[in-house]
Amino acid sequence: MKKTIFLMFTCVVCLSTVRGQDMWGIANSNYAGNFAIDINPSSMAVSPIKYELNILSGNMTFYNNYLYLPKGKMSVGKFFKADYFNYDWQDQYTGKDKNAFLQTGIKGPSFFLRSGQTAFGLHTGLKAMGSVRNVDFEMAKLFYENSTYTPLQHTELEAGNNKLAALLYGEIGASFAQQIEAGPGNRIAIGATFNYLLGFDGFYAHNDHMQYRFDDESMLHVSDLKAEYGFAVPQDGESDYFKVRGKGFSTTWGFQYIHGLNPEAYNVYASRLKFKKYKYKVGMSLVDAGSILFAKDTRTVKFDNNNIDWSGFDTTGVESISQLGELIRSKVFDDSLSGYVATKYRAKLPTAISFQFDYCLTHFLYLNTSIIQPVTSKSTAIRRPAQLSFTPRLETWRYEISFPLTWYEYDQLRLGTCLRLGQVVIGSDYLTSMLGLSKFNGFDFFVGIKHSSYAMDKLNKRKKEKAKDTYTGGDI
């Protein structure tokens, strides 16, 4: 039963959930191209890339602060073998609230074109994500161990402000960016992305407050239940997970200030002259502001200080989210209509604010610091984890390597790496976990194949003579 419930949780997040993490190993590179647009679309306007086609890219990330494997118990082979139920999991059974986040995504055919100081792009993608927030440690223990965990039986427990949300959706979007001169050697870039969203599946649950007790493994008592949940998923017996059940809109806005810019350094043929592209650049962005209104195959249920007596809890079988929702409702109400409050709900995306600072030490060595802070608090919203990253990188137009160090949720340090080899990008912001060099409580990896065309104007005589690395007033 324990494995069944744990598997159901994973499926709820995955199926009603490689994009959601932020790919710090590549996102702030001058050659990131399409990888950078999601975090700050203004990057298109100040790029050495004139044209880029994303053939296929994706990423996947997972984090939780409850279950883990000790250091040395994970390896790349074990990770891809994926026999997770047979691994020796440990749990952090402490008073701290438990959280989890899972996000995967695929970016389909996408491109952007930069002409002088203006850039424009189109993209397609499929995204899936889910987050669990503020789960009381006793509830997490019972969720994993099930009601057979005897130390918590016959104990009056209380829980509140628990939130779960998951989404699966597609997007079609366009991005625009413009570069503006701000004095000799300085530029401002502004950019925006607008997405049309097709919502396939969604689920949310918010428990404001409840008191509960297990008399034994089969009998659950709940009192003063104040909660709500909603779902837009296939009905019983159906498997149309990619049916459009909702539509929506999202946007990302970005700004960059570039100080000490040298346009000549963006020319591929000038790379041997060891020009710095700039002294530093500062960016700020509003990420993923938007929502999806689900109106098909949708139900929302609300409880207001209700009670539940659930006999046979440990033997109850559940095969779908819609069945689980009806089961919980039926334990409170005697008829087939009570509890339903709407046939639609609005799912909020994982909105965040981001700040980026990139400093150029030499013509190929850069230091980047970035912050992403979630600003979403709605019960129907996915919450993006808070992150503070520091990323040194060695960057040329052909090759690149970086080593992102991330303070994830301001609680855990993560170390990763990223390689860009020509037109192929592969990396992880949490490589130590996947290699067993730290405890395994999550994973992160991303890959991409693209075709880029760079600024490759022939050098004039003055450039061949290794002219001084100064601003000349030209376009990149």
Protein backbone atom coordinates (compact mmCIF):
# COMPACT_ATOMS: atom_id res chain seq x y z
CA MET A 1 0.00 0.00 0.00
CA LYS A 2 2.87 2.35 0.81
CA LYS A 3 4.38 1.93 -2.64
CA THR A 4 0.98 2.31 -4.28
CA ILE A 5 0.34 5.66 -2.60
CA PHE A 6 3.87 6.89 -3.32
CA LEU A 7 3.51 5.86 -6.98
CA MET A 8 0.13 7.61 -7.21
CA PHE A 9 1.67 10.81 -5.87
CA THR A 10 4.41 10.61 -8.48
CA CYS A 11 1.88 10.03 -11.26
CA VAL A 12 -0.31 12.92 -10.05
CA VAL A 13 2.64 15.26 -10.27
CA CYS A 14 4.06 13.84 -13.50
CA LEU A 15 0.98 13.16 -15.56
CA SER A 16 -1.11 15.99 -14.34
CA THR A 17 2.32 17.58 -14.50
CA VAL A 18 12.38 19.15 -19.51
CA ARG A 19 11.47 22.97 -18.60
CA GLY A 20 11.13 24.32 -15.08
CA GLN A 21 14.31 24.45 -13.71
CA ASP A 22 16.44 27.33 -14.84
CA MET A 23 19.54 25.75 -16.39
CA TRP A 24 22.05 28.05 -14.70
CA GLY A 25 24.89 26.27 -16.48
CA ILE A 26 23.85 27.76 -19.83
CA ALA A 27 21.05 30.31 -19.27
CA ASN A 28 23.34 33.34 -18.83
CA SER A 29 25.89 32.47 -21.51
CA ASN A 30 26.34 34.89 -24.39
CA TYR A 31 25.83 31.88 -26.65
CA ALA A 32 22.78 30.50 -24.82
CA GLY A 33 20.41 31.53 -27.60
CA ASN A 34 17.00 29.93 -27.08
CA PHE A 35 18.09 28.63 -23.66
CA ALA A 36 18.26 32.22 -22.35
CA ILE A 37 14.90 33.50 -23.59
CA ASP A 38 12.85 31.84 -20.84
CA ILE A 39 14.77 33.60 -18.06
CA ASN A 40 15.25 36.97 -19.81
CA PRO A 41 14.05 37.57 -23.40
CA SER A 42 16.04 40.82 -23.71
CA SER A 43 19.16 38.66 -24.12
CA MET A 44 18.26 38.17 -27.80
CA ALA A 45 19.02 41.81 -28.62
CA VAL A 46 22.62 41.71 -27.34
CA SER A 47 23.89 38.38 -28.63
CA PRO A 48 26.72 37.22 -30.90
CA ILE A 49 24.15 34.90 -32.48
CA LYS A 50 22.48 36.32 -35.57
CA TYR A 51 20.17 33.37 -36.15
CA GLU A 52 19.45 30.22 -34.19
CA LEU A 53 17.19 27.23 -34.77
CA ASN A 54 16.45 25.04 -31.76
CA ILE A 55 16.05 21.55 -33.16
CA LEU A 56 15.12 19.87 -29.90
CA SER A 57 15.90 20.56 -26.27
CA GLY A 58 14.54 19.53 -22.92
CA ASN A 59 15.21 19.26 -19.23
CA MET A 60 13.97 17.60 -16.09
CA THR A 61 14.35 18.51 -12.46
CA PHE A 62 13.06 17.11 -9.17
CA TYR A 63 13.56 18.18 -5.57
CA ASN A 64 12.15 17.19 -2.19
CA ASN A 65 13.28 17.69 1.40
CA TYR A 66 11.79 14.49 2.82
CA LEU A 67 13.03 11.32 1.07
CA TYR A 68 16.68 10.80 0.18
CA LEU A 69 19.43 8.29 -0.40
CA PRO A 70 22.60 8.78 1.68
CA LYS A 71 25.79 9.96 0.02
CA GLY A 72 27.37 7.22 -2.09
CA LYS A 73 24.11 5.28 -2.58
CA MET A 74 23.32 6.67 -6.04
CA SER A 75 25.18 6.34 -9.34
CA VAL A 76 24.49 7.21 -12.96
CA GLY A 77 23.77 3.55 -13.70
CA LYS A 78 21.31 3.23 -10.81
CA PHE A 79 19.69 6.52 -11.75
CA PHE A 80 18.88 5.48 -15.32
CA LYS A 81 17.96 1.97 -14.23
CA ALA A 82 15.11 3.67 -12.39
CA ASP A 83 14.38 0.79 -10.00
CA TYR A 84 13.54 3.38 -7.38
CA PHE A 85 11.17 1.35 -5.20
CA ASN A 86 13.93 -1.12 -4.37
CA TYR A 87 16.42 1.50 -3.18
CA ASP A 88 17.07 2.03 0.53
CA TRP A 89 15.31 5.36 1.00
CA GLN A 90 15.72 7.37 4.20
CA ASP A 91 13.34 10.05 5.44
CA GLN A 92 13.98 13.35 7.17
CA TYR A 93 11.35 12.98 9.86
CA THR A 94 11.70 16.34 11.55
CA GLY A 95 9.47 19.26 12.48
CA LYS A 96 10.28 21.12 9.30
CA ASP A 97 7.51 21.37 6.67
CA LYS A 98 8.06 19.22 3.59
CA ASN A 99 8.14 20.50 0.01
CA ALA A 100 8.63 18.96 -3.40
CA PHE A 101 8.94 20.24 -6.95
CA LEU A 102 8.99 18.39 -10.26
CA GLN A 103 9.22 19.92 -13.69
CA THR A 104 9.91 18.48 -17.11
CA GLY A 105 9.63 19.98 -20.53
CA ILE A 106 10.46 19.78 -24.19
CA LYS A 107 11.07 22.78 -26.42
CA GLY A 108 10.12 21.92 -29.97
CA PRO A 109 11.18 23.67 -33.18
CA SER A 110 11.97 27.27 -32.23
CA PHE A 111 14.08 30.06 -33.64
CA PHE A 112 15.14 33.62 -33.18
CA LEU A 113 16.63 36.16 -35.59
CA ARG A 114 18.66 39.24 -34.68
CA SER A 115 19.03 42.03 -37.20
CA GLY A 116 21.15 44.87 -35.90
CA GLN A 117 19.61 46.08 -32.65
CA THR A 118 16.32 44.20 -33.01
CA ALA A 119 15.54 40.52 -32.42
CA PHE A 120 12.45 38.39 -32.91
CA GLY A 121 11.69 34.75 -32.12
CA LEU A 122 9.01 32.05 -32.26
CA HIS A 123 8.87 28.91 -30.14
CA THR A 124 6.81 25.85 -29.26
CA GLY A 125 6.94 23.69 -26.18
CA LEU A 126 5.35 21.08 -23.94
CA LYS A 127 5.63 21.63 -20.19
CA ALA A 128 4.71 19.59 -17.15
CA MET A 129 5.19 20.59 -13.54
CA GLY A 130 4.00 20.04 -10.02
CA SER A 131 4.73 21.36 -6.55
CA VAL A 132 3.92 20.27 -3.00
CA ARG A 133 4.15 22.93 -0.30
CA ASN A 134 4.04 23.14 3.48
CA VAL A 135 3.24 19.51 4.25
CA ASP A 136 3.42 18.83 8.00
CA PHE A 137 6.10 16.28 8.86
CA GLU A 138 3.56 13.90 10.46
CA MET A 139 1.43 14.00 7.32
CA ALA A 140 4.50 13.33 5.17
CA LYS A 141 5.38 10.34 7.35
CA LEU A 142 1.89 8.90 7.11
CA PHE A 143 1.78 9.59 3.39
CA TYR A 144 4.97 7.56 2.85
CA GLU A 145 4.57 4.86 5.51
CA ASN A 146 0.79 4.78 5.17
CA SER A 147 -1.53 4.32 8.17
CA THR A 148 0.49 1.29 9.32
CA TYR A 149 2.97 3.63 11.05
CA THR A 150 1.95 2.76 14.60
CA PRO A 151 3.81 5.56 16.51
CA LEU A 152 1.31 8.08 15.05
CA GLN A 153 -1.80 6.00 15.62
CA HIS A 154 -4.17 7.11 18.42
CA THR A 155 -2.59 10.58 18.22
CA GLU A 156 -4.55 13.77 17.66
CA LEU A 157 -2.84 15.51 14.75
CA GLU A 158 -3.37 18.86 13.11
CA ALA A 159 -2.45 20.11 9.64
CA GLY A 160 -2.91 23.34 7.74
CA ASN A 161 -1.86 25.43 4.75
CA ASN A 162 -0.91 22.33 2.73
CA LYS A 163 -0.85 22.96 -1.03
CA LEU A 164 -0.50 20.68 -4.04
CA ALA A 165 -0.73 21.72 -7.70
CA ALA A 166 0.17 20.12 -11.01
CA LEU A 167 -0.12 21.04 -14.69
CA LEU A 168 0.44 19.61 -18.16
CA TYR A 169 0.21 22.12 -21.00
CA GLY A 170 1.56 23.17 -24.38
CA GLU A 171 2.59 26.63 -25.47
CA ILE A 172 3.09 28.59 -28.66
CA GLY A 173 4.90 31.87 -28.21
CA ALA A 174 6.64 34.85 -29.76
CA SER A 175 9.46 36.95 -28.34
CA PHE A 176 10.69 40.44 -29.19
CA ALA A 177 13.75 42.36 -28.02
CA GLN A 178 15.23 45.77 -28.77
CA GLN A 179 18.67 47.22 -28.05
CA ILE A 180 18.96 50.94 -27.20
CA GLU A 181 22.13 53.02 -26.99
CA ALA A 182 22.73 54.54 -23.55
CA GLY A 183 25.92 56.51 -24.10
CA PRO A 184 29.36 55.45 -25.39
CA GLY A 185 29.96 51.80 -24.62
CA ASN A 186 26.65 51.31 -22.83
CA ARG A 187 23.46 49.66 -24.04
CA ILE A 188 20.00 48.92 -22.70
CA ALA A 189 18.05 45.92 -23.94
CA ILE A 190 14.37 45.26 -23.34
CA GLY A 191 12.43 42.17 -24.34
CA ALA A 192 9.16 40.36 -23.88
CA THR A 193 7.65 36.95 -24.58
CA PHE A 194 3.95 36.26 -25.09
CA ASN A 195 2.61 32.70 -24.95
CA TYR A 196 -0.71 31.15 -25.89
CA LEU A 197 -1.29 28.16 -23.60
CA LEU A 198 -3.22 24.95 -24.20
CA GLY A 199 -4.03 23.28 -20.89
CA PHE A 200 -4.28 19.49 -21.04
CA ASP A 201 -4.48 18.39 -17.40
CA GLY A 202 -4.54 20.15 -14.08
CA PHE A 203 -5.00 19.41 -10.40
CA TYR A 204 -4.79 21.37 -7.17
CA ALA A 205 -5.61 20.84 -3.50
CA HIS A 206 -5.42 23.26 -0.59
CA ASN A 207 -6.01 22.23 3.01
CA ASP A 208 -6.52 25.31 5.17
CA HIS A 209 -7.00 23.31 8.36
CA MET A 210 -7.99 19.92 9.70
CA GLN A 211 -7.63 17.71 12.74
CA TYR A 212 -7.20 13.99 12.17
CA ARG A 213 -6.51 10.71 13.95
CA PHE A 214 -5.91 7.08 12.99
CA ASP A 215 -7.49 4.68 15.47
CA ASP A 216 -5.65 1.93 13.64
CA GLU A 217 -4.43 1.36 10.11
CA SER A 218 -7.97 1.07 8.74
CA MET A 219 -9.88 3.82 10.55
CA LEU A 220 -9.34 7.54 9.86
CA HIS A 221 -11.23 10.33 11.64
CA VAL A 222 -11.08 13.90 10.28
CA SER A 223 -12.73 16.90 11.92
CA ASP A 224 -12.96 20.62 11.18
CA LEU A 225 -11.90 20.04 7.59
CA LYS A 226 -11.62 23.31 5.71
CA ALA A 227 -10.21 22.59 2.29
CA GLU A 228 -10.80 22.64 -1.43
CA TYR A 229 -9.55 20.84 -4.49
CA GLY A 230 -10.11 20.92 -8.22
CA PHE A 231 -9.11 18.88 -11.22
CA ALA A 232 -9.31 18.85 -15.01
CA VAL A 233 -8.30 15.32 -16.00
CA PRO A 234 -9.57 12.35 -18.03
CA GLN A 235 -12.80 10.89 -16.73
CA ASP A 236 -12.92 7.34 -15.39
CA GLY A 237 -11.96 4.80 -18.01
CA GLU A 238 -10.47 7.39 -20.38
CA SER A 239 -6.82 8.11 -21.11
CA ASP A 240 -6.99 11.27 -23.24
CA TYR A 241 -4.29 13.12 -21.32
CA PHE A 242 -3.60 15.46 -24.25
CA LYS A 243 -7.17 16.65 -24.71
CA VAL A 244 -7.42 20.46 -24.51
CA ARG A 245 -9.35 21.22 -21.32
CA GLY A 246 -8.30 24.80 -20.84
CA LYS A 247 -6.68 27.81 -22.48
CA GLY A 248 -4.62 30.65 -21.17
CA PHE A 249 -1.89 33.20 -21.61
CA SER A 250 1.50 33.92 -20.07
CA THR A 251 4.24 36.46 -20.49
CA THR A 252 7.87 37.07 -19.52
CA TRP A 253 9.43 40.54 -19.49
CA GLY A 254 13.14 41.30 -19.30
CA PHE A 255 15.60 44.18 -19.07
CA GLN A 256 19.39 44.34 -19.35
CA TYR A 257 21.98 47.08 -18.93
CA ILE A 258 25.34 46.40 -20.59
CA HIS A 259 28.32 48.52 -19.50
CA GLY A 260 31.55 48.85 -21.48
CA LEU A 261 30.25 47.00 -24.53
CA ASN A 262 32.64 46.45 -27.44
CA PRO A 263 30.71 45.42 -30.59
CA GLU A 264 33.87 44.19 -32.32
CA ALA A 265 34.28 41.46 -29.68
CA TYR A 266 31.04 39.85 -30.88
CA ASN A 267 32.64 39.08 -34.25
CA VAL A 268 33.82 35.46 -34.48
CA TYR A 269 36.88 36.47 -36.50
CA ALA A 270 37.92 38.89 -33.77
CA SER A 271 38.04 36.22 -31.06
CA ARG A 272 41.80 35.76 -31.48
CA LEU A 273 42.27 39.45 -30.62
CA LYS A 274 41.09 38.71 -27.08
CA PHE A 275 38.59 41.55 -26.86
CA LYS A 276 36.21 41.64 -23.92
CA LYS A 277 32.57 41.81 -24.99
CA TYR A 278 31.69 44.08 -22.06
CA LYS A 279 32.73 44.93 -18.53
CA TYR A 280 29.51 43.77 -16.94
CA LYS A 281 25.79 43.47 -17.55
CA VAL A 282 22.85 43.59 -15.16
CA GLY A 283 19.46 42.06 -15.87
CA MET A 284 16.03 41.86 -14.29
CA SER A 285 12.97 39.90 -15.43
CA LEU A 286 9.44 38.87 -14.55
CA VAL A 287 9.11 35.19 -15.44
CA ASP A 288 6.02 33.10 -16.31
CA ALA A 289 3.28 35.53 -15.30
CA GLY A 290 0.02 33.95 -16.43
CA SER A 291 -2.66 31.33 -15.95
CA ILE A 292 -4.83 28.69 -17.63
CA LEU A 293 -8.61 28.58 -17.25
CA PHE A 294 -9.77 24.96 -17.21
CA ALA A 295 -13.43 24.57 -18.22
CA LYS A 296 -13.76 21.03 -19.63
CA ASP A 297 -13.86 17.79 -17.58
CA THR A 298 -13.40 20.05 -14.58
CA ARG A 299 -14.70 19.94 -11.02
CA THR A 300 -13.94 21.93 -7.89
CA VAL A 301 -15.00 20.78 -4.43
CA LYS A 302 -15.01 22.72 -1.19
CA PHE A 303 -15.27 21.59 2.43
CA ASP A 304 -16.18 24.02 5.20
CA ASN A 305 -15.64 22.61 8.70
CA ASN A 306 -16.76 19.12 7.69
CA ASN A 307 -16.02 15.75 9.30
CA ILE A 308 -14.95 12.40 7.81
CA ASP A 309 -15.09 8.89 9.23
CA TRP A 310 -13.21 6.64 6.79
CA SER A 311 -13.43 2.95 7.60
CA GLY A 312 -11.29 0.62 5.49
CA PHE A 313 -8.78 3.36 4.62
CA ASP A 314 -5.89 0.91 4.18
CA THR A 315 -7.73 -1.29 1.66
CA THR A 316 -9.25 1.47 -0.47
CA GLY A 317 -8.18 1.21 -4.09
CA VAL A 318 -7.86 4.31 -6.29
CA GLU A 319 -7.01 4.28 -10.00
CA SER A 320 -7.41 7.90 -11.11
CA ILE A 321 -7.45 11.46 -9.85
CA SER A 322 -11.13 11.92 -10.71
CA GLN A 323 -11.97 8.74 -8.77
CA LEU A 324 -9.94 9.94 -5.79
CA GLY A 325 -11.73 13.30 -5.86
CA GLU A 326 -15.17 11.70 -5.91
CA LEU A 327 -14.17 9.26 -3.17
CA ILE A 328 -13.13 12.02 -0.79
CA ARG A 329 -16.27 14.06 -1.56
CA SER A 330 -18.51 11.03 -0.97
CA LYS A 331 -17.03 10.49 2.49
CA VAL A 332 -18.44 13.88 3.53
CA PHE A 333 -21.66 14.25 1.55
CA ASP A 334 -24.47 11.73 1.08
CA ASP A 335 -25.68 12.80 -2.38
CA SER A 336 -24.06 13.15 -5.80
CA LEU A 337 -24.09 16.97 -6.02
CA SER A 338 -23.15 18.43 -2.63
CA GLY A 339 -19.66 19.88 -2.30
CA TYR A 340 -19.25 20.84 -5.94
CA VAL A 341 -18.85 24.60 -6.22
CA ALA A 342 -17.74 25.11 -9.84
CA THR A 343 -17.08 23.37 -13.12
CA LYS A 344 -13.97 25.40 -13.91
CA TYR A 345 -10.87 26.74 -12.18
CA ARG A 346 -7.93 28.97 -13.03
CA ALA A 347 -4.48 27.43 -12.62
CA LYS A 348 -1.65 29.87 -11.96
CA LEU A 349 1.81 29.43 -13.48
CA PRO A 350 5.02 29.52 -11.36
CA THR A 351 5.57 33.27 -11.54
CA ALA A 352 8.92 34.58 -10.31
CA ILE A 353 11.18 37.61 -10.32
CA SER A 354 14.79 37.15 -11.43
CA PHE A 355 17.94 39.25 -11.18
CA GLN A 356 21.14 38.53 -13.10
CA PHE A 357 24.65 39.99 -12.90
CA ASP A 358 27.38 38.94 -15.33
CA TYR A 359 30.99 40.13 -15.01
CA CYS A 360 33.65 39.67 -17.68
CA LEU A 361 37.10 39.00 -16.17
CA THR A 362 38.88 38.23 -19.45
CA HIS A 363 37.80 37.66 -23.05
CA PHE A 364 36.80 34.09 -22.16
CA LEU A 365 36.26 34.00 -18.35
CA TYR A 366 32.97 35.19 -16.84
CA LEU A 367 31.38 35.20 -13.39
CA ASN A 368 27.60 35.21 -13.08
CA THR A 369 25.30 35.61 -10.10
CA SER A 370 21.55 35.11 -10.51
CA ILE A 371 18.55 35.03 -8.23
CA ILE A 372 15.07 33.69 -8.89
CA GLN A 373 12.41 34.37 -6.29
CA PRO A 374 8.86 32.96 -6.53
CA VAL A 375 6.03 35.45 -6.10
CA THR A 376 3.03 33.11 -6.46
CA SER A 377 0.95 32.27 -3.38
CA LYS A 378 -2.44 31.22 -4.81
CA SER A 379 -3.69 27.76 -3.88
CA THR A 380 -4.05 26.84 -7.57
CA ALA A 381 -0.48 27.89 -8.39
CA ILE A 382 2.68 25.93 -9.03
CA ARG A 383 5.49 27.29 -6.87
CA ARG A 384 8.90 27.59 -8.48
CA PRO A 385 11.73 26.98 -5.98
CA ALA A 386 13.77 29.98 -4.84
CA GLN A 387 17.38 29.89 -6.02
CA LEU A 388 20.60 31.86 -5.72
CA SER A 389 23.29 30.77 -8.15
CA PHE A 390 26.96 31.59 -8.70
CA THR A 391 28.37 30.36 -12.01
CA PRO A 392 31.93 30.76 -13.31
CA ARG A 393 32.24 29.87 -16.98
CA LEU A 394 34.88 29.60 -19.69
CA GLU A 395 33.25 30.75 -22.91
CA THR A 396 34.27 30.85 -26.56
CA TRP A 397 32.10 30.79 -29.66
CA ARG A 398 32.95 27.12 -30.31
CA TYR A 399 33.12 25.63 -26.82
CA GLU A 400 32.06 26.43 -23.29
CA ILE A 401 32.14 24.90 -19.81
CA SER A 402 30.54 26.23 -16.63
CA PHE A 403 30.18 25.16 -12.99
CA PRO A 404 26.94 26.45 -11.41
CA LEU A 405 26.82 26.49 -7.60
CA THR A 406 23.22 26.96 -6.45
CA TRP A 407 21.74 27.68 -3.03
CA TYR A 408 18.46 25.88 -3.67
CA GLU A 409 15.46 27.03 -1.64
CA TYR A 410 18.04 28.85 0.52
CA ASP A 411 18.51 25.50 2.21
CA GLN A 412 20.78 23.26 0.15
CA LEU A 413 23.93 23.83 -1.92
CA ARG A 414 24.03 22.15 -5.33
CA LEU A 415 26.99 21.83 -7.69
CA GLY A 416 26.64 21.13 -11.40
CA THR A 417 28.36 21.55 -14.73
CA CYS A 418 27.44 22.27 -18.33
CA LEU A 419 29.25 21.65 -21.62
CA ARG A 420 28.53 23.37 -24.91
CA LEU A 421 30.30 21.59 -27.74
CA GLY A 422 29.54 23.37 -30.97
CA GLN A 423 25.79 23.04 -31.42
CA VAL A 424 25.20 20.53 -28.61
CA VAL A 425 24.48 21.48 -24.98
CA ILE A 426 24.40 19.01 -22.10
CA GLY A 427 24.47 19.74 -18.40
CA SER A 428 23.11 19.42 -14.90
CA ASP A 429 22.67 21.94 -12.10
CA TYR A 430 22.77 19.08 -9.55
CA LEU A 431 25.41 16.70 -10.85
CA THR A 432 26.75 15.69 -7.43
CA SER A 433 23.40 14.08 -6.53
CA MET A 434 23.25 11.97 -9.70
CA LEU A 435 26.86 10.81 -9.20
CA GLY A 436 26.36 9.91 -5.54
CA LEU A 437 28.80 12.59 -4.38
CA SER A 438 26.12 14.08 -2.15
CA LYS A 439 22.83 12.80 -0.78
CA PHE A 440 20.27 12.03 -3.47
CA ASN A 441 17.07 13.98 -2.83
CA GLY A 442 16.51 15.08 -6.40
CA PHE A 443 18.06 15.37 -9.83
CA ASP A 444 18.48 17.82 -12.66
CA PHE A 445 19.67 17.54 -16.25
CA PHE A 446 19.17 19.26 -19.60
CA VAL A 447 20.19 18.66 -23.21
CA GLY A 448 19.80 20.57 -26.45
CA ILE A 449 20.66 20.39 -30.12
CA LYS A 450 20.58 23.62 -32.10
CA HIS A 451 21.96 25.35 -35.16
CA SER A 452 23.42 28.83 -34.68
CA SER A 453 24.76 31.41 -37.10
CA TYR A 454 27.21 33.91 -35.59
CA ALA A 455 28.47 37.38 -36.43
CA MET A 456 31.31 36.52 -38.82
CA ASP A 457 32.12 39.72 -40.72
CA LYS A 458 35.59 39.76 -42.25
CA LEU A 459 38.16 41.72 -40.26
CA ASN A 460 39.42 44.94 -41.74
CA LYS A 461 43.07 45.91 -41.68
CA ARG A 462 42.76 47.88 -38.43
CA LYS A 463 41.34 44.84 -36.61
CA LYS A 464 44.04 42.56 -37.98
CA GLU A 465 46.59 44.83 -36.39
CA LYS A 466 45.01 44.09 -32.99
CA ALA A 467 43.50 47.49 -32.39
CA LYS A 468 42.75 48.54 -28.84
CA ASP A 469 39.73 46.94 -27.19
CA THR A 470 37.56 50.07 -27.23
CA TYR A 471 34.02 50.98 -28.22
CA THR A 472 33.69 52.22 -31.81
CA GLY A 473 29.97 52.96 -31.95
CA GLY A 474 29.13 50.09 -34.29
CA ASP A 475 26.44 47.43 -34.00
CA ILE A 476 27.18 43.95 -32.74
